[in-house]
Amino acid sequence: MVGAALPAMVPIWFQTLYHCGTISDVDVNVKNLDAEVVARLAEQAEAEGMSQQEWIRQTLRRSSARLSPAELLRTSAETNPMSEEEFATIRERAADHRQATIEGLGARQRRR
């Protein structure tokens, strides 16, 4: 969007900061939340000992770090599943590593 004209209703100072790339924080206003959601967020924030605003900020940060359902579907469609041989090799290496760790610690074999 750099170089594109912003609408006339956007203040000049904001346009300047936007084009210079110095705008870092953006406020978001969420409307029409259910009362139960607001109450639950307040409870969670209080339990964590932080403000509701900070709790919501952290919750959104964690949520945005995860893939959306559409992104997850696209990513899984682009990947190839592991073959049975690859899986068996990895499983065998993990079992060998576990056995070596047990022997290195002097622990007894786990009963099954």
PDB file of N, CA and C in Angstrom:
ATOM      1  N   MET A   1       0.816  -1.181   0.000  1.00  0.00           N
ATOM      2  CA  MET A   1       0.000   0.000   0.000  1.00  0.00           C
ATOM      3  C   MET A   1       0.861   1.247   0.000  1.00  0.00           C
ATOM      4  N   VAL A   2       2.153   1.107   0.225  1.00  0.00           N
ATOM      5  CA  VAL A   2       3.032   2.260   0.207  1.00  0.00           C
ATOM      6  C   VAL A   2       2.989   2.867  -1.186  1.00  0.00           C
ATOM      7  N   GLY A   3       2.803   4.172  -1.230  1.00  0.00           N
ATOM      8  CA  GLY A   3       2.727   4.852  -2.510  1.00  0.00           C
ATOM      9  C   GLY A   3       1.295   5.044  -2.973  1.00  0.00           C
ATOM     10  N   ALA A   4       0.367   4.258  -2.461  1.00  0.00           N
ATOM     11  CA  ALA A   4      -1.029   4.406  -2.838  1.00  0.00           C
ATOM     12  C   ALA A   4      -1.631   5.563  -2.056  1.00  0.00           C
ATOM     13  N   ALA A   5      -2.570   6.236  -2.650  1.00  0.00           N
ATOM     14  CA  ALA A   5      -3.203   7.383  -1.997  1.00  0.00           C
ATOM     15  C   ALA A   5      -4.194   6.896  -0.948  1.00  0.00           C
ATOM     16  N   LEU A   6      -4.128   7.513   0.228  1.00  0.00           N
ATOM     17  CA  LEU A   6      -5.091   7.215   1.282  1.00  0.00           C
ATOM     18  C   LEU A   6      -6.292   8.126   1.112  1.00  0.00           C
ATOM     19  N   PRO A   7      -7.459   7.727   1.593  1.00  0.00           N
ATOM     20  CA  PRO A   7      -8.647   8.570   1.464  1.00  0.00           C
ATOM     21  C   PRO A   7      -8.428   9.946   2.086  1.00  0.00           C
ATOM     22  N   ALA A   8      -9.143  10.943   1.558  1.00  0.00           N
ATOM     23  CA  ALA A   8      -8.992  12.327   2.013  1.00  0.00           C
ATOM     24  C   ALA A   8      -9.364  12.500   3.474  1.00  0.00           C
ATOM     25  N   MET A   9     -10.205  11.616   4.014  1.00  0.00           N
ATOM     26  CA  MET A   9     -10.623  11.768   5.406  1.00  0.00           C
ATOM     27  C   MET A   9      -9.522  11.370   6.394  1.00  0.00           C
ATOM     28  N   VAL A  10      -8.445  10.758   5.933  1.00  0.00           N
ATOM     29  CA  VAL A  10      -7.333  10.371   6.797  1.00  0.00           C
ATOM     30  C   VAL A  10      -6.441  11.598   6.979  1.00  0.00           C
ATOM     31  N   PRO A  11      -6.153  11.989   8.227  1.00  0.00           N
ATOM     32  CA  PRO A  11      -5.346  13.197   8.460  1.00  0.00           C
ATOM     33  C   PRO A  11      -3.979  13.110   7.788  1.00  0.00           C
ATOM     34  N   ILE A  12      -3.464  14.265   7.393  1.00  0.00           N
ATOM     35  CA  ILE A  12      -2.172  14.348   6.714  1.00  0.00           C
ATOM     36  C   ILE A  12      -1.060  13.765   7.582  1.00  0.00           C
ATOM     37  N   TRP A  13      -1.064  14.068   8.906  1.00  0.00           N
ATOM     38  CA  TRP A  13      -0.009  13.571   9.792  1.00  0.00           C
ATOM     39  C   TRP A  13       0.014  12.047   9.803  1.00  0.00           C
ATOM     40  N   PHE A  14      -1.180  11.442   9.754  1.00  0.00           N
ATOM     41  CA  PHE A  14      -1.256   9.987   9.756  1.00  0.00           C
ATOM     42  C   PHE A  14      -0.734   9.430   8.434  1.00  0.00           C
ATOM     43  N   GLN A  15      -1.102  10.068   7.328  1.00  0.00           N
ATOM     44  CA  GLN A  15      -0.617   9.633   6.024  1.00  0.00           C
ATOM     45  C   GLN A  15       0.909   9.689   5.968  1.00  0.00           C
ATOM     46  N   THR A  16       1.479  10.772   6.512  1.00  0.00           N
ATOM     47  CA  THR A  16       2.932  10.942   6.515  1.00  0.00           C
ATOM     48  C   THR A  16       3.601   9.831   7.323  1.00  0.00           C
ATOM     49  N   LEU A  17       3.096   9.586   8.529  1.00  0.00           N
ATOM     50  CA  LEU A  17       3.666   8.533   9.365  1.00  0.00           C
ATOM     51  C   LEU A  17       3.504   7.161   8.712  1.00  0.00           C
ATOM     52  N   TYR A  18       2.371   6.943   8.063  1.00  0.00           N
ATOM     53  CA  TYR A  18       2.116   5.663   7.409  1.00  0.00           C
ATOM     54  C   TYR A  18       3.113   5.428   6.274  1.00  0.00           C
ATOM     55  N   HIS A  19       3.298   6.436   5.434  1.00  0.00           N
ATOM     56  CA  HIS A  19       4.213   6.294   4.299  1.00  0.00           C
ATOM     57  C   HIS A  19       5.668   6.198   4.733  1.00  0.00           C
ATOM     58  N   CYS A  20       6.009   6.803   5.884  1.00  0.00           N
ATOM     59  CA  CYS A  20       7.385   6.714   6.392  1.00  0.00           C
ATOM     60  C   CYS A  20       7.637   5.380   7.090  1.00  0.00           C
ATOM     61  N   GLY A  21       6.570   4.655   7.399  1.00  0.00           N
ATOM     62  CA  GLY A  21       6.713   3.368   8.060  1.00  0.00           C
ATOM     63  C   GLY A  21       6.964   3.466   9.544  1.00  0.00           C
ATOM     64  N   THR A  22       6.548   4.580  10.164  1.00  0.00           N
ATOM     65  CA  THR A  22       6.807   4.752  11.591  1.00  0.00           C
ATOM     66  C   THR A  22       5.601   4.431  12.461  1.00  0.00           C
ATOM     67  N   ILE A  23       4.507   3.997  11.884  1.00  0.00           N
ATOM     68  CA  ILE A  23       3.336   3.623  12.679  1.00  0.00           C
ATOM     69  C   ILE A  23       3.526   2.188  13.126  1.00  0.00           C
ATOM     70  N   SER A  24       3.549   1.976  14.442  1.00  0.00           N
ATOM     71  CA  SER A  24       3.773   0.624  14.931  1.00  0.00           C
ATOM     72  C   SER A  24       2.542   0.041  15.599  1.00  0.00           C
ATOM     73  N   ASP A  25       1.884   0.792  16.450  1.00  0.00           N
ATOM     74  CA  ASP A  25       0.717   0.284  17.171  1.00  0.00           C
ATOM     75  C   ASP A  25      -0.562   0.803  16.532  1.00  0.00           C
ATOM     76  N   VAL A  26      -1.539  -0.070  16.450  1.00  0.00           N
ATOM     77  CA  VAL A  26      -2.822   0.301  15.889  1.00  0.00           C
ATOM     78  C   VAL A  26      -3.895  -0.096  16.885  1.00  0.00           C
ATOM     79  N   ASP A  27      -4.818   0.814  17.155  1.00  0.00           N
ATOM     80  CA  ASP A  27      -5.925   0.503  18.047  1.00  0.00           C
ATOM     81  C   ASP A  27      -7.011  -0.218  17.277  1.00  0.00           C
ATOM     82  N   VAL A  28      -7.629  -1.193  17.945  1.00  0.00           N
ATOM     83  CA  VAL A  28      -8.726  -1.948  17.357  1.00  0.00           C
ATOM     84  C   VAL A  28      -9.902  -1.831  18.306  1.00  0.00           C
ATOM     85  N   ASN A  29     -11.067  -1.564  17.771  1.00  0.00           N
ATOM     86  CA  ASN A  29     -12.267  -1.435  18.576  1.00  0.00           C
ATOM     87  C   ASN A  29     -13.201  -2.574  18.206  1.00  0.00           C
ATOM     88  N   VAL A  30     -13.520  -3.432  19.153  1.00  0.00           N
ATOM     89  CA  VAL A  30     -14.407  -4.562  18.903  1.00  0.00           C
ATOM     90  C   VAL A  30     -15.766  -4.227  19.495  1.00  0.00           C
ATOM     91  N   LYS A  31     -16.777  -4.249  18.655  1.00  0.00           N
ATOM     92  CA  LYS A  31     -18.130  -3.888  19.088  1.00  0.00           C
ATOM     93  C   LYS A  31     -19.019  -5.119  19.154  1.00  0.00           C
ATOM     94  N   ASN A  32     -20.097  -4.981  19.899  1.00  0.00           N
ATOM     95  CA  ASN A  32     -21.158  -5.988  19.983  1.00  0.00           C
ATOM     96  C   ASN A  32     -20.687  -7.329  20.530  1.00  0.00           C
ATOM     97  N   LEU A  33     -19.800  -7.307  21.513  1.00  0.00           N
ATOM     98  CA  LEU A  33     -19.415  -8.545  22.193  1.00  0.00           C
ATOM     99  C   LEU A  33     -20.523  -8.950  23.144  1.00  0.00           C
ATOM    100  N   ASP A  34     -20.752 -10.243  23.266  1.00  0.00           N
ATOM    101  CA  ASP A  34     -21.728 -10.733  24.234  1.00  0.00           C
ATOM    102  C   ASP A  34     -21.258 -10.407  25.645  1.00  0.00           C
ATOM    103  N   ALA A  35     -22.185 -10.152  26.533  1.00  0.00           N
ATOM    104  CA  ALA A  35     -21.854  -9.824  27.917  1.00  0.00           C
ATOM    105  C   ALA A  35     -21.088 -10.969  28.574  1.00  0.00           C
ATOM    106  N   GLU A  36     -21.416 -12.206  28.206  1.00  0.00           N
ATOM    107  CA  GLU A  36     -20.731 -13.356  28.788  1.00  0.00           C
ATOM    108  C   GLU A  36     -19.252 -13.374  28.385  1.00  0.00           C
ATOM    109  N   VAL A  37     -18.970 -12.985  27.151  1.00  0.00           N
ATOM    110  CA  VAL A  37     -17.584 -12.961  26.667  1.00  0.00           C
ATOM    111  C   VAL A  37     -16.792 -11.894  27.415  1.00  0.00           C
ATOM    112  N   VAL A  38     -17.391 -10.721  27.570  1.00  0.00           N
ATOM    113  CA  VAL A  38     -16.721  -9.630  28.288  1.00  0.00           C
ATOM    114  C   VAL A  38     -16.464 -10.029  29.738  1.00  0.00           C
ATOM    115  N   ALA A  39     -17.447 -10.657  30.372  1.00  0.00           N
ATOM    116  CA  ALA A  39     -17.287 -11.089  31.763  1.00  0.00           C
ATOM    117  C   ALA A  39     -16.199 -12.145  31.880  1.00  0.00           C
ATOM    118  N   ARG A  40     -16.167 -13.074  30.941  1.00  0.00           N
ATOM    119  CA  ARG A  40     -15.144 -14.139  30.981  1.00  0.00           C
ATOM    120  C   ARG A  40     -13.748 -13.565  30.791  1.00  0.00           C
ATOM    121  N   LEU A  41     -13.595 -12.623  29.869  1.00  0.00           N
ATOM    122  CA  LEU A  41     -12.299 -11.981  29.668  1.00  0.00           C
ATOM    123  C   LEU A  41     -11.861 -11.221  30.919  1.00  0.00           C
ATOM    124  N   ALA A  42     -12.814 -10.578  31.587  1.00  0.00           N
ATOM    125  CA  ALA A  42     -12.496  -9.860  32.823  1.00  0.00           C
ATOM    126  C   ALA A  42     -12.057 -10.836  33.913  1.00  0.00           C
ATOM    127  N   GLU A  43     -12.733 -11.974  34.015  1.00  0.00           N
ATOM    128  CA  GLU A  43     -12.357 -12.996  35.000  1.00  0.00           C
ATOM    129  C   GLU A  43     -10.950 -13.529  34.731  1.00  0.00           C
ATOM    130  N   GLN A  44     -10.670 -13.807  33.470  1.00  0.00           N
ATOM    131  CA  GLN A  44      -9.352 -14.325  33.107  1.00  0.00           C
ATOM    132  C   GLN A  44      -8.260 -13.299  33.401  1.00  0.00           C
ATOM    133  N   ALA A  45      -8.523 -12.037  33.062  1.00  0.00           N
ATOM    134  CA  ALA A  45      -7.538 -10.978  33.316  1.00  0.00           C
ATOM    135  C   ALA A  45      -7.271 -10.840  34.809  1.00  0.00           C
ATOM    136  N   GLU A  46      -8.329 -10.889  35.606  1.00  0.00           N
ATOM    137  CA  GLU A  46      -8.164 -10.772  37.057  1.00  0.00           C
ATOM    138  C   GLU A  46      -7.374 -11.963  37.607  1.00  0.00           C
ATOM    139  N   ALA A  47      -7.670 -13.146  37.104  1.00  0.00           N
ATOM    140  CA  ALA A  47      -6.957 -14.340  37.562  1.00  0.00           C
ATOM    141  C   ALA A  47      -5.473 -14.263  37.224  1.00  0.00           C
ATOM    142  N   GLU A  48      -5.129 -13.614  36.111  1.00  0.00           N
ATOM    143  CA  GLU A  48      -3.734 -13.471  35.700  1.00  0.00           C
ATOM    144  C   GLU A  48      -3.068 -12.249  36.317  1.00  0.00           C
ATOM    145  N   GLY A  49      -3.854 -11.429  37.014  1.00  0.00           N
ATOM    146  CA  GLY A  49      -3.294 -10.253  37.668  1.00  0.00           C
ATOM    147  C   GLY A  49      -2.904  -9.150  36.708  1.00  0.00           C
ATOM    148  N   MET A  50      -3.666  -8.982  35.643  1.00  0.00           N
ATOM    149  CA  MET A  50      -3.355  -7.920  34.683  1.00  0.00           C
ATOM    150  C   MET A  50      -4.639  -7.232  34.254  1.00  0.00           C
ATOM    151  N   SER A  51      -4.478  -6.116  33.571  1.00  0.00           N
ATOM    152  CA  SER A  51      -5.649  -5.380  33.111  1.00  0.00           C
ATOM    153  C   SER A  51      -6.357  -6.175  32.022  1.00  0.00           C
ATOM    154  N   GLN A  52      -7.634  -5.889  31.872  1.00  0.00           N
ATOM    155  CA  GLN A  52      -8.407  -6.581  30.845  1.00  0.00           C
ATOM    156  C   GLN A  52      -7.855  -6.242  29.464  1.00  0.00           C
ATOM    157  N   GLN A  53      -7.421  -5.012  29.269  1.00  0.00           N
ATOM    158  CA  GLN A  53      -6.861  -4.604  27.985  1.00  0.00           C
ATOM    159  C   GLN A  53      -5.593  -5.395  27.658  1.00  0.00           C
ATOM    160  N   GLU A  54      -4.709  -5.546  28.640  1.00  0.00           N
ATOM    161  CA  GLU A  54      -3.476  -6.297  28.415  1.00  0.00           C
ATOM    162  C   GLU A  54      -3.790  -7.773  28.164  1.00  0.00           C
ATOM    163  N   TRP A  55      -4.753  -8.319  28.906  1.00  0.00           N
ATOM    164  CA  TRP A  55      -5.129  -9.720  28.711  1.00  0.00           C
ATOM    165  C   TRP A  55      -5.662  -9.941  27.299  1.00  0.00           C
ATOM    166  N   ILE A  56      -6.516  -9.053  26.824  1.00  0.00           N
ATOM    167  CA  ILE A  56      -7.069  -9.175  25.470  1.00  0.00           C
ATOM    168  C   ILE A  56      -5.952  -9.032  24.439  1.00  0.00           C
ATOM    169  N   ARG A  57      -5.015  -8.115  24.679  1.00  0.00           N
ATOM    170  CA  ARG A  57      -3.882  -7.934  23.769  1.00  0.00           C
ATOM    171  C   ARG A  57      -3.076  -9.229  23.651  1.00  0.00           C
ATOM    172  N   GLN A  58      -2.787  -9.859  24.789  1.00  0.00           N
ATOM    173  CA  GLN A  58      -2.027 -11.116  24.770  1.00  0.00           C
ATOM    174  C   GLN A  58      -2.816 -12.244  24.120  1.00  0.00           C
ATOM    175  N   THR A  59      -4.120 -12.300  24.390  1.00  0.00           N
ATOM    176  CA  THR A  59      -4.976 -13.325  23.794  1.00  0.00           C
ATOM    177  C   THR A  59      -4.994 -13.195  22.275  1.00  0.00           C
ATOM    178  N   LEU A  60      -5.113 -11.967  21.783  1.00  0.00           N
ATOM    179  CA  LEU A  60      -5.102 -11.748  20.336  1.00  0.00           C
ATOM    180  C   LEU A  60      -3.736 -12.080  19.741  1.00  0.00           C
ATOM    181  N   ARG A  61      -2.667 -11.757  20.455  1.00  0.00           N
ATOM    182  CA  ARG A  61      -1.317 -12.068  19.971  1.00  0.00           C
ATOM    183  C   ARG A  61      -1.153 -13.585  19.828  1.00  0.00           C
ATOM    184  N   ARG A  62      -1.594 -14.345  20.847  1.00  0.00           N
ATOM    185  CA  ARG A  62      -1.485 -15.808  20.782  1.00  0.00           C
ATOM    186  C   ARG A  62      -2.349 -16.378  19.658  1.00  0.00           C
ATOM    187  N   SER A  63      -3.560 -15.855  19.531  1.00  0.00           N
ATOM    188  CA  SER A  63      -4.482 -16.358  18.513  1.00  0.00           C
ATOM    189  C   SER A  63      -3.970 -16.071  17.106  1.00  0.00           C
ATOM    190  N   SER A  64      -3.405 -14.889  16.908  1.00  0.00           N
ATOM    191  CA  SER A  64      -2.925 -14.541  15.567  1.00  0.00           C
ATOM    192  C   SER A  64      -1.676 -15.329  15.184  1.00  0.00           C
ATOM    193  N   ALA A  65      -0.978 -15.886  16.155  1.00  0.00           N
ATOM    194  CA  ALA A  65       0.210 -16.685  15.863  1.00  0.00           C
ATOM    195  C   ALA A  65      -0.152 -18.068  15.331  1.00  0.00           C
ATOM    196  N   ARG A  66      -1.379 -18.503  15.582  1.00  0.00           N
ATOM    197  CA  ARG A  66      -1.821 -19.813  15.095  1.00  0.00           C
ATOM    198  C   ARG A  66      -2.400 -19.685  13.692  1.00  0.00           C
ATOM    199  N   LEU A  67      -2.386 -20.782  12.960  1.00  0.00           N
ATOM    200  CA  LEU A  67      -2.977 -20.794  11.630  1.00  0.00           C
ATOM    201  C   LEU A  67      -4.496 -20.782  11.726  1.00  0.00           C
ATOM    202  N   SER A  68      -5.139 -20.055  10.829  1.00  0.00           N
ATOM    203  CA  SER A  68      -6.595 -20.068  10.758  1.00  0.00           C
ATOM    204  C   SER A  68      -7.022 -21.397  10.134  1.00  0.00           C
ATOM    205  N   PRO A  69      -8.298 -21.782  10.273  1.00  0.00           N
ATOM    206  CA  PRO A  69      -8.741 -23.034   9.652  1.00  0.00           C
ATOM    207  C   PRO A  69      -8.473 -23.077   8.143  1.00  0.00           C
ATOM    208  N   ALA A  70      -8.676 -21.956   7.448  1.00  0.00           N
ATOM    209  CA  ALA A  70      -8.421 -21.926   6.003  1.00  0.00           C
ATOM    210  C   ALA A  70      -6.933 -22.090   5.716  1.00  0.00           C
ATOM    211  N   GLU A  71      -6.070 -21.426   6.507  1.00  0.00           N
ATOM    212  CA  GLU A  71      -4.628 -21.569   6.322  1.00  0.00           C
ATOM    213  C   GLU A  71      -4.179 -22.996   6.610  1.00  0.00           C
ATOM    214  N   LEU A  72      -4.762 -23.599   7.637  1.00  0.00           N
ATOM    215  CA  LEU A  72      -4.415 -24.969   7.991  1.00  0.00           C
ATOM    216  C   LEU A  72      -4.788 -25.942   6.878  1.00  0.00           C
ATOM    217  N   LEU A  73      -5.970 -25.764   6.301  1.00  0.00           N
ATOM    218  CA  LEU A  73      -6.389 -26.615   5.187  1.00  0.00           C
ATOM    219  C   LEU A  73      -5.466 -26.438   3.985  1.00  0.00           C
ATOM    220  N   ARG A  74      -5.125 -25.191   3.668  1.00  0.00           N
ATOM    221  CA  ARG A  74      -4.252 -24.929   2.532  1.00  0.00           C
ATOM    222  C   ARG A  74      -2.870 -25.539   2.762  1.00  0.00           C
ATOM    223  N   THR A  75      -2.342 -25.375   3.975  1.00  0.00           N
ATOM    224  CA  THR A  75      -1.020 -25.906   4.298  1.00  0.00           C
ATOM    225  C   THR A  75      -1.016 -27.425   4.241  1.00  0.00           C
ATOM    226  N   SER A  76      -2.049 -28.046   4.790  1.00  0.00           N
ATOM    227  CA  SER A  76      -2.084 -29.510   4.786  1.00  0.00           C
ATOM    228  C   SER A  76      -2.279 -30.055   3.378  1.00  0.00           C
ATOM    229  N   ALA A  77      -2.961 -29.306   2.524  1.00  0.00           N
ATOM    230  CA  ALA A  77      -3.150 -29.755   1.144  1.00  0.00           C
ATOM    231  C   ALA A  77      -1.849 -29.669   0.351  1.00  0.00           C
ATOM    232  N   GLU A  78      -0.958 -28.747   0.770  1.00  0.00           N
ATOM    233  CA  GLU A  78       0.309 -28.550   0.059  1.00  0.00           C
ATOM    234  C   GLU A  78       1.397 -29.521   0.502  1.00  0.00           C
ATOM    235  N   THR A  79       1.194 -30.206   1.603  1.00  0.00           N
ATOM    236  CA  THR A  79       2.227 -31.107   2.108  1.00  0.00           C
ATOM    237  C   THR A  79       1.921 -32.548   1.731  1.00  0.00           C
ATOM    238  N   ASN A  80       2.965 -33.332   1.635  1.00  0.00           N
ATOM    239  CA  ASN A  80       2.814 -34.752   1.333  1.00  0.00           C
ATOM    240  C   ASN A  80       2.876 -35.546   2.635  1.00  0.00           C
ATOM    241  N   PRO A  81       1.986 -36.520   2.785  1.00  0.00           N
ATOM    242  CA  PRO A  81       2.031 -37.313   4.010  1.00  0.00           C
ATOM    243  C   PRO A  81       3.300 -38.168   4.085  1.00  0.00           C
ATOM    244  N   MET A  82       3.680 -38.511   5.293  1.00  0.00           N
ATOM    245  CA  MET A  82       4.864 -39.340   5.525  1.00  0.00           C
ATOM    246  C   MET A  82       4.548 -40.768   5.094  1.00  0.00           C
ATOM    247  N   SER A  83       5.524 -41.398   4.454  1.00  0.00           N
ATOM    248  CA  SER A  83       5.327 -42.781   4.032  1.00  0.00           C
ATOM    249  C   SER A  83       5.442 -43.702   5.253  1.00  0.00           C
ATOM    250  N   GLU A  84       4.960 -44.921   5.088  1.00  0.00           N
ATOM    251  CA  GLU A  84       5.029 -45.903   6.174  1.00  0.00           C
ATOM    252  C   GLU A  84       6.484 -46.212   6.534  1.00  0.00           C
ATOM    253  N   GLU A  85       7.346 -46.265   5.510  1.00  0.00           N
ATOM    254  CA  GLU A  85       8.759 -46.553   5.772  1.00  0.00           C
ATOM    255  C   GLU A  85       9.410 -45.425   6.578  1.00  0.00           C
ATOM    256  N   GLU A  86       9.108 -44.169   6.205  1.00  0.00           N
ATOM    257  CA  GLU A  86       9.666 -43.029   6.943  1.00  0.00           C
ATOM    258  C   GLU A  86       9.201 -43.046   8.393  1.00  0.00           C
ATOM    259  N   PHE A  87       7.916 -43.328   8.585  1.00  0.00           N
ATOM    260  CA  PHE A  87       7.372 -43.373   9.937  1.00  0.00           C
ATOM    261  C   PHE A  87       8.033 -44.478  10.754  1.00  0.00           C
ATOM    262  N   ALA A  88       8.201 -45.653  10.151  1.00  0.00           N
ATOM    263  CA  ALA A  88       8.825 -46.777  10.854  1.00  0.00           C
ATOM    264  C   ALA A  88      10.273 -46.454  11.224  1.00  0.00           C
ATOM    265  N   THR A  89      10.994 -45.782  10.326  1.00  0.00           N
ATOM    266  CA  THR A  89      12.380 -45.401  10.603  1.00  0.00           C
ATOM    267  C   THR A  89      12.458 -44.427  11.773  1.00  0.00           C
ATOM    268  N   ILE A  90      11.605 -43.423  11.766  1.00  0.00           N
ATOM    269  CA  ILE A  90      11.603 -42.433  12.851  1.00  0.00           C
ATOM    270  C   ILE A  90      11.217 -43.088  14.172  1.00  0.00           C
ATOM    271  N   ARG A  91      10.224 -43.959  14.124  1.00  0.00           N
ATOM    272  CA  ARG A  91       9.791 -44.646  15.343  1.00  0.00           C
ATOM    273  C   ARG A  91      10.914 -45.519  15.904  1.00  0.00           C
ATOM    274  N   GLU A  92      11.627 -46.199  15.023  1.00  0.00           N
ATOM    275  CA  GLU A  92      12.734 -47.056  15.460  1.00  0.00           C
ATOM    276  C   GLU A  92      13.857 -46.213  16.079  1.00  0.00           C
ATOM    277  N   ARG A  93      14.183 -45.083  15.445  1.00  0.00           N
ATOM    278  CA  ARG A  93      15.228 -44.203  15.995  1.00  0.00           C
ATOM    279  C   ARG A  93      14.829 -43.659  17.361  1.00  0.00           C
ATOM    280  N   ALA A  94      13.557 -43.322  17.528  1.00  0.00           N
ATOM    281  CA  ALA A  94      13.078 -42.813  18.813  1.00  0.00           C
ATOM    282  C   ALA A  94      13.182 -43.896  19.889  1.00  0.00           C
ATOM    283  N   ALA A  95      12.836 -45.137  19.526  1.00  0.00           N
ATOM    284  CA  ALA A  95      12.934 -46.245  20.477  1.00  0.00           C
ATOM    285  C   ALA A  95      14.390 -46.505  20.859  1.00  0.00           C
ATOM    286  N   ASP A  96      15.286 -46.433  19.874  1.00  0.00           N
ATOM    287  CA  ASP A  96      16.717 -46.614  20.158  1.00  0.00           C
ATOM    288  C   ASP A  96      17.236 -45.517  21.076  1.00  0.00           C
ATOM    289  N   HIS A  97      16.814 -44.292  20.801  1.00  0.00           N
ATOM    290  CA  HIS A  97      17.244 -43.151  21.629  1.00  0.00           C
ATOM    291  C   HIS A  97      16.735 -43.304  23.066  1.00  0.00           C
ATOM    292  N   ARG A  98      15.481 -43.730  23.186  1.00  0.00           N
ATOM    293  CA  ARG A  98      14.912 -43.939  24.516  1.00  0.00           C
ATOM    294  C   ARG A  98      15.676 -45.017  25.276  1.00  0.00           C
ATOM    295  N   GLN A  99      15.974 -46.123  24.588  1.00  0.00           N
ATOM    296  CA  GLN A  99      16.710 -47.224  25.217  1.00  0.00           C
ATOM    297  C   GLN A  99      18.089 -46.767  25.662  1.00  0.00           C
ATOM    298  N   ALA A 100      18.782 -45.998  24.824  1.00  0.00           N
ATOM    299  CA  ALA A 100      20.112 -45.490  25.175  1.00  0.00           C
ATOM    300  C   ALA A 100      20.039 -44.560  26.381  1.00  0.00           C
ATOM    301  N   THR A 101      18.999 -43.767  26.456  1.00  0.00           N
ATOM    302  CA  THR A 101      18.820 -42.865  27.603  1.00  0.00           C
ATOM    303  C   THR A 101      18.587 -43.661  28.878  1.00  0.00           C
ATOM    304  N   ILE A 102      17.754 -44.677  28.788  1.00  0.00           N
ATOM    305  CA  ILE A 102      17.481 -45.527  29.953  1.00  0.00           C
ATOM    306  C   ILE A 102      18.761 -46.189  30.443  1.00  0.00           C
ATOM    307  N   GLU A 103      19.521 -46.722  29.504  1.00  0.00           N
ATOM    308  CA  GLU A 103      20.776 -47.375  29.882  1.00  0.00           C
ATOM    309  C   GLU A 103      21.774 -46.375  30.443  1.00  0.00           C
ATOM    310  N   GLY A 104      21.811 -45.188  29.885  1.00  0.00           N
ATOM    311  CA  GLY A 104      22.725 -44.151  30.363  1.00  0.00           C
ATOM    312  C   GLY A 104      22.387 -43.681  31.754  1.00  0.00           C
ATOM    313  N   LEU A 105      21.137 -43.728  32.115  1.00  0.00           N
ATOM    314  CA  LEU A 105      20.710 -43.298  33.448  1.00  0.00           C
ATOM    315  C   LEU A 105      20.778 -44.452  34.449  1.00  0.00           C
ATOM    316  N   GLY A 106      20.981 -45.630  33.957  1.00  0.00           N
ATOM    317  CA  GLY A 106      21.026 -46.800  34.846  1.00  0.00           C
ATOM    318  C   GLY A 106      19.636 -47.205  35.317  1.00  0.00           C
ATOM    319  N   ALA A 107      18.613 -46.789  34.590  1.00  0.00           N
ATOM    320  CA  ALA A 107      17.251 -47.124  34.997  1.00  0.00           C
ATOM    321  C   ALA A 107      16.880 -48.504  34.482  1.00  0.00           C
ATOM    322  N   ARG A 108      15.905 -49.100  35.173  1.00  0.00           N
ATOM    323  CA  ARG A 108      15.446 -50.413  34.722  1.00  0.00           C
ATOM    324  C   ARG A 108      14.519 -50.255  33.535  1.00  0.00           C
ATOM    325  N   GLN A 109      14.393 -51.323  32.772  1.00  0.00           N
ATOM    326  CA  GLN A 109      13.496 -51.333  31.602  1.00  0.00           C
ATOM    327  C   GLN A 109      12.059 -51.176  32.080  1.00  0.00           C
ATOM    328  N   ARG A 110      11.279 -50.430  31.357  1.00  0.00           N
ATOM    329  CA  ARG A 110       9.885 -50.224  31.669  1.00  0.00           C
ATOM    330  C   ARG A 110       9.099 -51.481  31.350  1.00  0.00           C
ATOM    331  N   ARG A 111       8.242 -51.887  32.275  1.00  0.00           N
ATOM    332  CA  ARG A 111       7.417 -53.089  32.032  1.00  0.00           C
ATOM    333  C   ARG A 111       6.206 -52.724  31.221  1.00  0.00           C
ATOM    334  N   ARG A 112       5.814 -53.682  30.373  1.00  0.00           N
ATOM    335  CA  ARG A 112       4.598 -53.461  29.565  1.00  0.00           C
ATOM    336  C   ARG A 112       3.668 -54.599  29.741  1.00  0.00           C
TER     337      ARG A 112
END
